[in-house]
Amino acid sequence: MSAWQCWSLPPLALAALGTVALACGGPEAPADPGFCAVPVGDSPRRGPEAAPVTLVRFVDFECPYCAASLPTLAALDAARPGVVRHVFKHLPLDIHPHAAAAAIAAECAHAQGRFWEMHDALFAGASLDEAGLTAAAEAADLDLAAYAACRMDDAPRDRIVADLEAAVAAGVTMTPTLFANGRPLAGAHPLADLLDTVDRAAADAEASGLEPAAYYDELVARPCR
């Protein structure tokens, strides 16, 4: 039985999924959600922990716009070195037949401390079918026996459901959607838009006079709006 066949969601998550517009797209799609500083939790992250801007992204591995946004994110880091801490949240959409299985695979890589290697391999792969997932796991240098066992476990599913519920709470309606210190940007935008959002978020952080961790904790304590 494949990990996709084992995929299931509890009733609460299914109800939440029904409130999310199942779409991925560019910046011409729906309006941005409101301000929401999404809790980081133990989600995969990279970049300086003391960065002034925490950028939380909701992503579907099968969404072509999510893949298309990766060079822009790399360009952002090159243009603003040390400014952004990237945090990954799953939002596999049911319009994509392999998205849930890819999310499970990525979470199982995260359990081995190799999420970003798997992230890059999944987006670089030709497909996300079973053969493609295996090739990505090999490229990410995973312990394949532990990876296979993990894919049958409830733990990765539970983590993905938690991200789904966070997306609903934040008003996310599409992938990719990002929040830079709570400032939203839905869709795969050009670098200029991303720089503007991040620069404004960084300016707010500096004006607060707080250390980055304390500032983001203060933002998380605010209600989404």
C-alpha atoms as a PDB file:
ATOM      1  CA  MET A   1       0.000   0.000   0.000  1.00  0.00           C
ATOM      2  CA  SER A   2       1.396   3.401  -0.928  1.00  0.00           C
ATOM      3  CA  ALA A   3       1.612   6.406   1.399  1.00  0.00           C
ATOM      4  CA  TRP A   4      -0.974   8.122  -0.776  1.00  0.00           C
ATOM      5  CA  GLN A   5      -3.415   5.260  -0.264  1.00  0.00           C
ATOM      6  CA  CYS A   6      -2.819   5.516   3.487  1.00  0.00           C
ATOM      7  CA  TRP A   7      -3.505   9.253   3.503  1.00  0.00           C
ATOM      8  CA  SER A   8      -6.594  10.244   5.450  1.00  0.00           C
ATOM      9  CA  LEU A   9      -7.778  13.296   7.338  1.00  0.00           C
ATOM     10  CA  PRO A  10      -9.888  13.455  10.492  1.00  0.00           C
ATOM     11  CA  PRO A  11     -13.363  15.043  10.194  1.00  0.00           C
ATOM     12  CA  LEU A  12     -12.196  18.395  11.616  1.00  0.00           C
ATOM     13  CA  ALA A  13      -9.508  18.705   8.979  1.00  0.00           C
ATOM     14  CA  LEU A  14     -11.887  17.646   6.213  1.00  0.00           C
ATOM     15  CA  ALA A  15     -14.298  20.365   7.309  1.00  0.00           C
ATOM     16  CA  ALA A  16     -11.441  22.876   7.322  1.00  0.00           C
ATOM     17  CA  LEU A  17     -10.324  21.796   3.868  1.00  0.00           C
ATOM     18  CA  GLY A  18     -13.776  22.604   2.547  1.00  0.00           C
ATOM     19  CA  THR A  19     -13.259  26.253   3.518  1.00  0.00           C
ATOM     20  CA  VAL A  20     -10.030  26.562   1.495  1.00  0.00           C
ATOM     21  CA  ALA A  21     -10.239  27.521  -2.170  1.00  0.00           C
ATOM     22  CA  LEU A  22      -8.325  24.731  -3.857  1.00  0.00           C
ATOM     23  CA  ALA A  23      -6.149  26.825  -6.102  1.00  0.00           C
ATOM     24  CA  CYS A  24      -2.547  27.580  -6.887  1.00  0.00           C
ATOM     25  CA  GLY A  25      -1.517  30.510  -8.965  1.00  0.00           C
ATOM     26  CA  GLY A  26       0.198  33.783  -9.632  1.00  0.00           C
ATOM     27  CA  PRO A  27      -0.404  37.262  -8.238  1.00  0.00           C
ATOM     28  CA  GLU A  28      -3.420  37.882 -10.458  1.00  0.00           C
ATOM     29  CA  ALA A  29      -5.449  35.360  -8.423  1.00  0.00           C
ATOM     30  CA  PRO A  30      -7.515  36.147  -5.270  1.00  0.00           C
ATOM     31  CA  ALA A  31      -6.776  39.031  -2.951  1.00  0.00           C
ATOM     32  CA  ASP A  32      -4.243  38.617  -0.171  1.00  0.00           C
ATOM     33  CA  PRO A  33      -5.539  37.386   3.186  1.00  0.00           C
ATOM     34  CA  GLY A  34      -5.299  39.741   6.134  1.00  0.00           C
ATOM     35  CA  PHE A  35      -2.430  40.167   8.571  1.00  0.00           C
ATOM     36  CA  CYS A  36      -1.508  36.932  10.333  1.00  0.00           C
ATOM     37  CA  ALA A  37       1.744  36.037  12.068  1.00  0.00           C
ATOM     38  CA  VAL A  38       1.622  32.248  11.855  1.00  0.00           C
ATOM     39  CA  PRO A  39       3.236  30.345  14.756  1.00  0.00           C
ATOM     40  CA  VAL A  40       6.469  28.673  13.681  1.00  0.00           C
ATOM     41  CA  GLY A  41       6.248  25.657  15.964  1.00  0.00           C
ATOM     42  CA  ASP A  42       8.607  22.886  14.894  1.00  0.00           C
ATOM     43  CA  SER A  43       8.085  23.472  11.180  1.00  0.00           C
ATOM     44  CA  PRO A  44      11.127  23.253   8.895  1.00  0.00           C
ATOM     45  CA  ARG A  45      13.029  26.508   8.735  1.00  0.00           C
ATOM     46  CA  ARG A  46      16.263  27.864   7.357  1.00  0.00           C
ATOM     47  CA  GLY A  47      18.068  31.155   7.508  1.00  0.00           C
ATOM     48  CA  PRO A  48      19.296  33.056  10.581  1.00  0.00           C
ATOM     49  CA  GLU A  49      17.225  32.437  13.700  1.00  0.00           C
ATOM     50  CA  ALA A  50      17.872  36.091  14.607  1.00  0.00           C
ATOM     51  CA  ALA A  51      16.684  37.400  11.217  1.00  0.00           C
ATOM     52  CA  PRO A  52      14.400  40.438  11.530  1.00  0.00           C
ATOM     53  CA  VAL A  53      11.806  38.934   9.162  1.00  0.00           C
ATOM     54  CA  THR A  54      10.156  35.545   9.562  1.00  0.00           C
ATOM     55  CA  LEU A  55       8.700  34.497   6.217  1.00  0.00           C
ATOM     56  CA  VAL A  56       6.142  31.690   6.534  1.00  0.00           C
ATOM     57  CA  ARG A  57       5.174  29.966   3.274  1.00  0.00           C
ATOM     58  CA  PHE A  58       2.207  27.663   2.641  1.00  0.00           C
ATOM     59  CA  VAL A  59       3.229  25.339  -0.172  1.00  0.00           C
ATOM     60  CA  ASP A  60       1.962  22.451  -2.310  1.00  0.00           C
ATOM     61  CA  PHE A  61       4.763  20.394  -3.873  1.00  0.00           C
ATOM     62  CA  GLU A  62       2.669  19.793  -6.999  1.00  0.00           C
ATOM     63  CA  CYS A  63       1.721  23.458  -7.520  1.00  0.00           C
ATOM     64  CA  PRO A  64       3.713  24.801 -10.486  1.00  0.00           C
ATOM     65  CA  TYR A  65       3.567  28.330  -9.103  1.00  0.00           C
ATOM     66  CA  CYS A  66       5.212  27.131  -5.889  1.00  0.00           C
ATOM     67  CA  ALA A  67       8.039  25.699  -7.982  1.00  0.00           C
ATOM     68  CA  ALA A  68       8.235  28.880 -10.061  1.00  0.00           C
ATOM     69  CA  SER A  69       8.623  31.003  -6.909  1.00  0.00           C
ATOM     70  CA  LEU A  70      11.822  29.266  -5.761  1.00  0.00           C
ATOM     71  CA  PRO A  71      14.267  31.308  -7.898  1.00  0.00           C
ATOM     72  CA  THR A  72      12.586  34.472  -6.641  1.00  0.00           C
ATOM     73  CA  LEU A  73      13.095  33.389  -3.037  1.00  0.00           C
ATOM     74  CA  ALA A  74      16.755  32.680  -3.787  1.00  0.00           C
ATOM     75  CA  ALA A  75      17.058  36.120  -5.348  1.00  0.00           C
ATOM     76  CA  LEU A  76      15.463  37.621  -2.240  1.00  0.00           C
ATOM     77  CA  ASP A  77      18.104  36.027  -0.023  1.00  0.00           C
ATOM     78  CA  ALA A  78      20.844  37.272  -2.338  1.00  0.00           C
ATOM     79  CA  ALA A  79      19.427  40.803  -2.303  1.00  0.00           C
ATOM     80  CA  ARG A  80      18.754  40.883   1.447  1.00  0.00           C
ATOM     81  CA  PRO A  81      21.336  38.574   3.043  1.00  0.00           C
ATOM     82  CA  GLY A  82      20.609  37.687   6.643  1.00  0.00           C
ATOM     83  CA  VAL A  83      17.233  39.443   6.674  1.00  0.00           C
ATOM     84  CA  VAL A  84      14.852  36.485   6.249  1.00  0.00           C
ATOM     85  CA  ARG A  85      14.195  33.316   8.218  1.00  0.00           C
ATOM     86  CA  HIS A  86      12.193  30.943   5.974  1.00  0.00           C
ATOM     87  CA  VAL A  87       9.518  28.697   7.526  1.00  0.00           C
ATOM     88  CA  PHE A  88       7.746  25.994   5.525  1.00  0.00           C
ATOM     89  CA  LYS A  89       4.096  25.002   6.030  1.00  0.00           C
ATOM     90  CA  HIS A  90       2.313  22.292   4.050  1.00  0.00           C
ATOM     91  CA  LEU A  91      -0.888  22.883   2.129  1.00  0.00           C
ATOM     92  CA  PRO A  92      -1.351  19.918  -0.241  1.00  0.00           C
ATOM     93  CA  LEU A  93      -4.416  20.595  -2.369  1.00  0.00           C
ATOM     94  CA  ASP A  94      -6.737  17.770  -3.350  1.00  0.00           C
ATOM     95  CA  ILE A  95      -6.737  18.988  -6.968  1.00  0.00           C
ATOM     96  CA  HIS A  96      -3.175  17.623  -7.143  1.00  0.00           C
ATOM     97  CA  PRO A  97      -3.140  13.818  -6.958  1.00  0.00           C
ATOM     98  CA  HIS A  98       0.436  13.479  -5.684  1.00  0.00           C
ATOM     99  CA  ALA A  99       0.603  16.499  -3.361  1.00  0.00           C
ATOM    100  CA  ALA A 100      -0.339  14.712  -0.139  1.00  0.00           C
ATOM    101  CA  ALA A 101       2.106  11.856  -0.723  1.00  0.00           C
ATOM    102  CA  ALA A 102       4.865  14.368  -1.449  1.00  0.00           C
ATOM    103  CA  ALA A 103       4.064  16.245   1.757  1.00  0.00           C
ATOM    104  CA  ILE A 104       4.273  13.003   3.742  1.00  0.00           C
ATOM    105  CA  ALA A 105       7.598  12.200   2.086  1.00  0.00           C
ATOM    106  CA  ALA A 106       8.948  15.638   2.985  1.00  0.00           C
ATOM    107  CA  GLU A 107       7.836  15.281   6.601  1.00  0.00           C
ATOM    108  CA  CYS A 108       9.573  11.916   6.798  1.00  0.00           C
ATOM    109  CA  ALA A 109      12.741  13.593   5.543  1.00  0.00           C
ATOM    110  CA  HIS A 110      12.220  16.263   8.211  1.00  0.00           C
ATOM    111  CA  ALA A 111      12.193  13.477  10.817  1.00  0.00           C
ATOM    112  CA  GLN A 112      15.717  12.636   9.644  1.00  0.00           C
ATOM    113  CA  GLY A 113      16.861  16.267   9.703  1.00  0.00           C
ATOM    114  CA  ARG A 114      16.965  16.446   5.895  1.00  0.00           C
ATOM    115  CA  PHE A 115      13.801  18.353   5.030  1.00  0.00           C
ATOM    116  CA  TRP A 116      15.427  20.962   2.812  1.00  0.00           C
ATOM    117  CA  GLU A 117      17.369  18.363   0.865  1.00  0.00           C
ATOM    118  CA  MET A 118      14.083  16.546   0.213  1.00  0.00           C
ATOM    119  CA  HIS A 119      12.304  19.835  -0.545  1.00  0.00           C
ATOM    120  CA  ASP A 120      14.843  20.636  -3.235  1.00  0.00           C
ATOM    121  CA  ALA A 121      14.781  17.105  -4.639  1.00  0.00           C
ATOM    122  CA  LEU A 122      10.981  17.041  -4.843  1.00  0.00           C
ATOM    123  CA  PHE A 123      10.824  20.337  -6.697  1.00  0.00           C
ATOM    124  CA  ALA A 124      13.666  19.279  -9.000  1.00  0.00           C
ATOM    125  CA  GLY A 125      12.136  15.891  -9.815  1.00  0.00           C
ATOM    126  CA  ALA A 126      10.388  15.031 -13.059  1.00  0.00           C
ATOM    127  CA  SER A 127       7.379  13.573 -11.251  1.00  0.00           C
ATOM    128  CA  LEU A 128       5.907  12.993  -7.810  1.00  0.00           C
ATOM    129  CA  ASP A 129       4.664   9.474  -8.435  1.00  0.00           C
ATOM    130  CA  GLU A 130       6.059   6.586  -6.389  1.00  0.00           C
ATOM    131  CA  ALA A 131       9.173   6.327  -8.535  1.00  0.00           C
ATOM    132  CA  GLY A 132       9.733  10.069  -8.299  1.00  0.00           C
ATOM    133  CA  LEU A 133       9.374  10.069  -4.509  1.00  0.00           C
ATOM    134  CA  THR A 134      11.861   7.217  -4.220  1.00  0.00           C
ATOM    135  CA  ALA A 135      14.323   9.045  -6.457  1.00  0.00           C
ATOM    136  CA  ALA A 136      13.937  12.183  -4.335  1.00  0.00           C
ATOM    137  CA  ALA A 137      14.512  10.225  -1.114  1.00  0.00           C
ATOM    138  CA  GLU A 138      17.677   8.746  -2.589  1.00  0.00           C
ATOM    139  CA  ALA A 139      18.849  12.175  -3.784  1.00  0.00           C
ATOM    140  CA  ALA A 140      18.244  13.547  -0.284  1.00  0.00           C
ATOM    141  CA  ASP A 141      20.397  10.724   1.120  1.00  0.00           C
ATOM    142  CA  LEU A 142      17.701   9.420   3.461  1.00  0.00           C
ATOM    143  CA  ASP A 143      17.785   6.223   5.474  1.00  0.00           C
ATOM    144  CA  LEU A 144      15.352   4.468   3.156  1.00  0.00           C
ATOM    145  CA  ALA A 145      14.169   1.882   5.682  1.00  0.00           C
ATOM    146  CA  ALA A 146      13.318   4.566   8.250  1.00  0.00           C
ATOM    147  CA  TYR A 147      11.737   6.667   5.506  1.00  0.00           C
ATOM    148  CA  ALA A 148       9.491   3.785   4.387  1.00  0.00           C
ATOM    149  CA  ALA A 149       8.363   3.111   7.958  1.00  0.00           C
ATOM    150  CA  CYS A 150       7.667   6.781   8.569  1.00  0.00           C
ATOM    151  CA  ARG A 151       5.412   7.029   5.537  1.00  0.00           C
ATOM    152  CA  MET A 152       3.071   4.468   7.112  1.00  0.00           C
ATOM    153  CA  ASP A 153       2.970   6.305  10.436  1.00  0.00           C
ATOM    154  CA  ASP A 154       0.421   8.842  11.704  1.00  0.00           C
ATOM    155  CA  ALA A 155       3.021  11.428  12.719  1.00  0.00           C
ATOM    156  CA  PRO A 156       3.614  13.054   9.295  1.00  0.00           C
ATOM    157  CA  ARG A 157      -0.113  13.129   8.604  1.00  0.00           C
ATOM    158  CA  ASP A 158      -0.754  14.855  11.929  1.00  0.00           C
ATOM    159  CA  ARG A 159       1.882  17.508  11.192  1.00  0.00           C
ATOM    160  CA  ILE A 160       0.352  18.218   7.781  1.00  0.00           C
ATOM    161  CA  VAL A 161      -3.143  18.464   9.256  1.00  0.00           C
ATOM    162  CA  ALA A 162      -1.820  20.994  11.784  1.00  0.00           C
ATOM    163  CA  ASP A 163      -0.447  23.078   8.906  1.00  0.00           C
ATOM    164  CA  LEU A 164      -3.771  22.829   7.093  1.00  0.00           C
ATOM    165  CA  GLU A 165      -5.583  24.116  10.159  1.00  0.00           C
ATOM    166  CA  ALA A 166      -3.054  26.949  10.461  1.00  0.00           C
ATOM    167  CA  ALA A 167      -3.748  27.853   6.819  1.00  0.00           C
ATOM    168  CA  VAL A 168      -7.483  28.021   7.488  1.00  0.00           C
ATOM    169  CA  ALA A 169      -6.917  30.176  10.585  1.00  0.00           C
ATOM    170  CA  ALA A 170      -4.739  32.535   8.529  1.00  0.00           C
ATOM    171  CA  GLY A 171      -7.315  32.862   5.739  1.00  0.00           C
ATOM    172  CA  VAL A 172      -5.109  31.239   3.096  1.00  0.00           C
ATOM    173  CA  THR A 173      -6.958  30.539  -0.152  1.00  0.00           C
ATOM    174  CA  MET A 174      -4.179  29.443  -2.491  1.00  0.00           C
ATOM    175  CA  THR A 175      -0.634  28.215  -2.835  1.00  0.00           C
ATOM    176  CA  PRO A 176       1.861  29.669  -2.592  1.00  0.00           C
ATOM    177  CA  THR A 177       0.905  32.141   0.124  1.00  0.00           C
ATOM    178  CA  LEU A 178       3.502  33.742   2.350  1.00  0.00           C
ATOM    179  CA  PHE A 179       3.443  35.939   5.420  1.00  0.00           C
ATOM    180  CA  ALA A 180       6.432  38.200   6.124  1.00  0.00           C
ATOM    181  CA  ASN A 181       6.158  39.045   9.836  1.00  0.00           C
ATOM    182  CA  GLY A 182       2.434  38.607   9.283  1.00  0.00           C
ATOM    183  CA  ARG A 183       2.251  40.701   6.107  1.00  0.00           C
ATOM    184  CA  PRO A 184       0.541  38.544   3.459  1.00  0.00           C
ATOM    185  CA  LEU A 185       1.391  37.954  -0.179  1.00  0.00           C
ATOM    186  CA  ALA A 186      -0.657  35.368  -2.081  1.00  0.00           C
ATOM    187  CA  GLY A 187       0.586  33.867  -5.329  1.00  0.00           C
ATOM    188  CA  ALA A 188       3.928  33.694  -7.118  1.00  0.00           C
ATOM    189  CA  HIS A 189       4.897  37.370  -7.235  1.00  0.00           C
ATOM    190  CA  PRO A 190       7.896  39.005  -8.914  1.00  0.00           C
ATOM    191  CA  LEU A 191      10.953  39.872  -6.865  1.00  0.00           C
ATOM    192  CA  ALA A 192      10.008  43.556  -6.630  1.00  0.00           C
ATOM    193  CA  ASP A 193       6.783  42.701  -4.787  1.00  0.00           C
ATOM    194  CA  LEU A 194       8.578  40.346  -2.447  1.00  0.00           C
ATOM    195  CA  LEU A 195      11.302  42.883  -1.681  1.00  0.00           C
ATOM    196  CA  ASP A 196       8.697  45.540  -0.939  1.00  0.00           C
ATOM    197  CA  THR A 197       6.817  43.249   1.462  1.00  0.00           C
ATOM    198  CA  VAL A 198       9.996  42.108   3.229  1.00  0.00           C
ATOM    199  CA  ASP A 199      11.450  45.627   3.438  1.00  0.00           C
ATOM    200  CA  ARG A 200       8.288  46.973   5.033  1.00  0.00           C
ATOM    201  CA  ALA A 201       8.247  44.054   7.471  1.00  0.00           C
ATOM    202  CA  ALA A 202      11.903  44.651   8.355  1.00  0.00           C
ATOM    203  CA  ALA A 203      11.277  48.355   8.906  1.00  0.00           C
ATOM    204  CA  ASP A 204       8.415  47.563  11.287  1.00  0.00           C
ATOM    205  CA  ALA A 205      10.640  45.134  13.173  1.00  0.00           C
ATOM    206  CA  GLU A 206      13.413  47.718  13.549  1.00  0.00           C
ATOM    207  CA  ALA A 207      10.955  50.384  14.677  1.00  0.00           C
ATOM    208  CA  SER A 208       9.636  48.075  17.410  1.00  0.00           C
ATOM    209  CA  GLY A 209      12.957  48.171  19.259  1.00  0.00           C
ATOM    210  CA  LEU A 210      12.536  44.474  20.162  1.00  0.00           C
ATOM    211  CA  GLU A 211      14.831  41.566  19.496  1.00  0.00           C
ATOM    212  CA  PRO A 212      13.588  39.561  16.460  1.00  0.00           C
ATOM    213  CA  ALA A 213      12.377  36.544  18.471  1.00  0.00           C
ATOM    214  CA  ALA A 214      10.515  38.715  20.966  1.00  0.00           C
ATOM    215  CA  TYR A 215       9.056  40.816  18.157  1.00  0.00           C
ATOM    216  CA  TYR A 216       7.737  37.797  16.267  1.00  0.00           C
ATOM    217  CA  ASP A 217       6.290  36.329  19.462  1.00  0.00           C
ATOM    218  CA  GLU A 218       4.474  39.634  19.989  1.00  0.00           C
ATOM    219  CA  LEU A 219       3.102  39.478  16.443  1.00  0.00           C
ATOM    220  CA  VAL A 220       1.916  35.890  16.916  1.00  0.00           C
ATOM    221  CA  ALA A 221       0.010  36.977  20.013  1.00  0.00           C
ATOM    222  CA  ARG A 222      -2.059  39.376  17.916  1.00  0.00           C
ATOM    223  CA  PRO A 223      -5.263  38.005  16.360  1.00  0.00           C
ATOM    224  CA  CYS A 224      -5.274  37.374  12.627  1.00  0.00           C
ATOM    225  CA  ARG A 225      -7.312  39.946  10.764  1.00  0.00           C
END
